[in-house]
Protein backbone atom coordinates (compact mmCIF):
# COMPACT_ATOMS: atom_id res chain seq x y z
CA MET A 1 -18.45 76.86 28.82
CA THR A 2 -18.99 73.63 27.21
CA VAL A 3 -17.73 70.35 28.72
CA VAL A 4 -17.28 66.94 26.83
CA LEU A 5 -16.92 63.82 29.04
CA GLY A 6 -16.12 60.35 28.25
CA PRO A 7 -18.40 57.46 28.97
CA ASP A 8 -16.59 56.54 32.29
CA ASP A 9 -16.02 60.03 33.64
CA ALA A 10 -17.72 61.17 36.88
CA ILE A 11 -20.67 63.51 36.66
CA ASP A 12 -20.88 66.45 39.15
CA PRO A 13 -23.94 65.76 41.45
CA GLY A 14 -25.28 69.35 40.65
CA TRP A 15 -25.86 68.32 37.10
CA ALA A 16 -29.28 67.29 35.59
CA MET A 17 -29.45 64.56 33.24
CA ALA A 18 -31.75 64.73 30.35
CA GLY A 19 -32.62 62.64 27.40
CA SER A 20 -35.03 64.73 25.26
CA MET A 21 -35.35 68.32 23.87
CA THR A 22 -38.19 69.00 26.22
CA GLU A 23 -36.27 67.97 29.19
CA VAL A 24 -33.27 69.96 28.01
CA SER A 25 -35.26 73.09 27.40
CA ASP A 26 -37.07 72.97 30.83
CA LEU A 27 -33.88 72.16 32.77
CA VAL A 28 -32.06 75.02 31.07
CA ARG A 29 -34.96 77.35 31.85
CA ALA A 30 -34.85 76.49 35.33
CA GLY A 31 -31.18 77.14 35.53
CA ARG A 32 -29.79 73.86 35.79
CA THR A 33 -26.47 72.53 34.10
CA VAL A 34 -27.65 69.83 31.83
CA VAL A 35 -25.69 66.48 31.02
CA VAL A 36 -26.61 64.90 27.75
CA THR A 37 -25.25 61.28 26.83
CA LEU A 38 -24.85 60.94 23.20
CA PRO A 39 -25.26 57.97 20.86
CA GLU A 40 -22.17 55.79 20.11
CA GLU A 41 -22.60 56.31 16.30
CA PRO A 42 -20.25 59.34 15.34
CA THR A 43 -22.61 60.77 12.75
CA GLU A 44 -25.52 60.42 15.16
CA ALA A 45 -23.55 61.99 18.17
CA VAL A 46 -22.55 65.07 16.21
CA ALA A 47 -25.94 65.68 15.06
CA ALA A 48 -27.45 65.10 18.43
CA ALA A 49 -24.82 67.37 20.26
CA ALA A 50 -25.71 70.20 17.72
CA VAL A 51 -29.27 69.93 18.55
CA PHE A 52 -28.97 69.65 22.40
CA ALA A 53 -26.37 72.44 22.22
CA TRP A 54 -29.02 74.72 20.53
CA ALA A 55 -31.45 73.88 23.37
CA GLY A 56 -28.86 75.02 25.91
CA ALA A 57 -26.99 71.90 27.21
CA ARG A 58 -23.70 72.57 28.39
CA VAL A 59 -22.08 68.96 29.39
CA PHE A 60 -21.94 66.24 26.67
CA ARG A 61 -21.08 62.45 27.49
CA THR A 62 -19.79 60.89 24.33
CA ALA A 63 -17.55 57.89 23.35
CA PRO A 64 -13.85 58.63 23.16
CA GLY A 65 -13.45 58.55 19.43
CA THR A 66 -15.98 61.08 18.88
CA ALA A 67 -15.07 63.81 21.45
CA ARG A 68 -13.27 66.02 18.94
CA ASP A 69 -16.10 66.25 16.44
CA VAL A 70 -18.70 66.71 19.23
CA ARG A 71 -16.76 69.61 20.40
CA LEU A 72 -16.31 71.08 17.00
CA ALA A 73 -20.17 70.77 16.41
CA VAL A 74 -21.01 72.29 19.66
CA GLU A 75 -18.74 75.27 19.33
CA MET A 76 -20.27 76.00 15.84
CA THR A 77 -23.74 75.79 17.24
CA GLU A 78 -22.78 78.11 20.24
CA SER A 79 -21.34 80.59 17.66
CA LEU A 80 -24.48 80.36 15.34
CA ALA A 81 -26.74 80.91 18.39
CA GLY A 82 -24.68 84.01 19.50
CA ARG A 83 -23.54 82.78 22.78
CA ARG A 84 -19.79 82.37 21.77
CA PRO A 85 -17.94 84.51 19.41
CA PRO A 86 -16.71 82.73 16.08
CA ALA A 87 -13.30 81.00 15.87
CA LEU A 88 -12.53 82.92 12.83
CA THR A 89 -13.98 85.95 11.09
CA ARG A 90 -13.47 87.21 7.70
CA ARG A 91 -14.80 90.08 5.85
CA GLY A 92 -15.52 89.65 2.15
CA LEU A 93 -14.35 92.60 -0.02
CA ALA A 94 -15.36 92.85 -3.55
């Protein structure tokens, strides 16, 4: 399950904060739920969310205006990584 939080939302005490790919990877391997705070710039937030989702982060803290785009990027990344079924599948027939 992926969670997207606003900047003022409370963080669960059981979650671990991470700021780099190495930290995310280490904490995910240790079995922790990782919280990543994303940049304010919408394009940077979407790119960072995709990268951190690939590394295994599950909770993303973002600016209110970018929450929808971040969620879409994370869901797409989860589908590409094989951890979530795609939202829509089509079979190409010739």
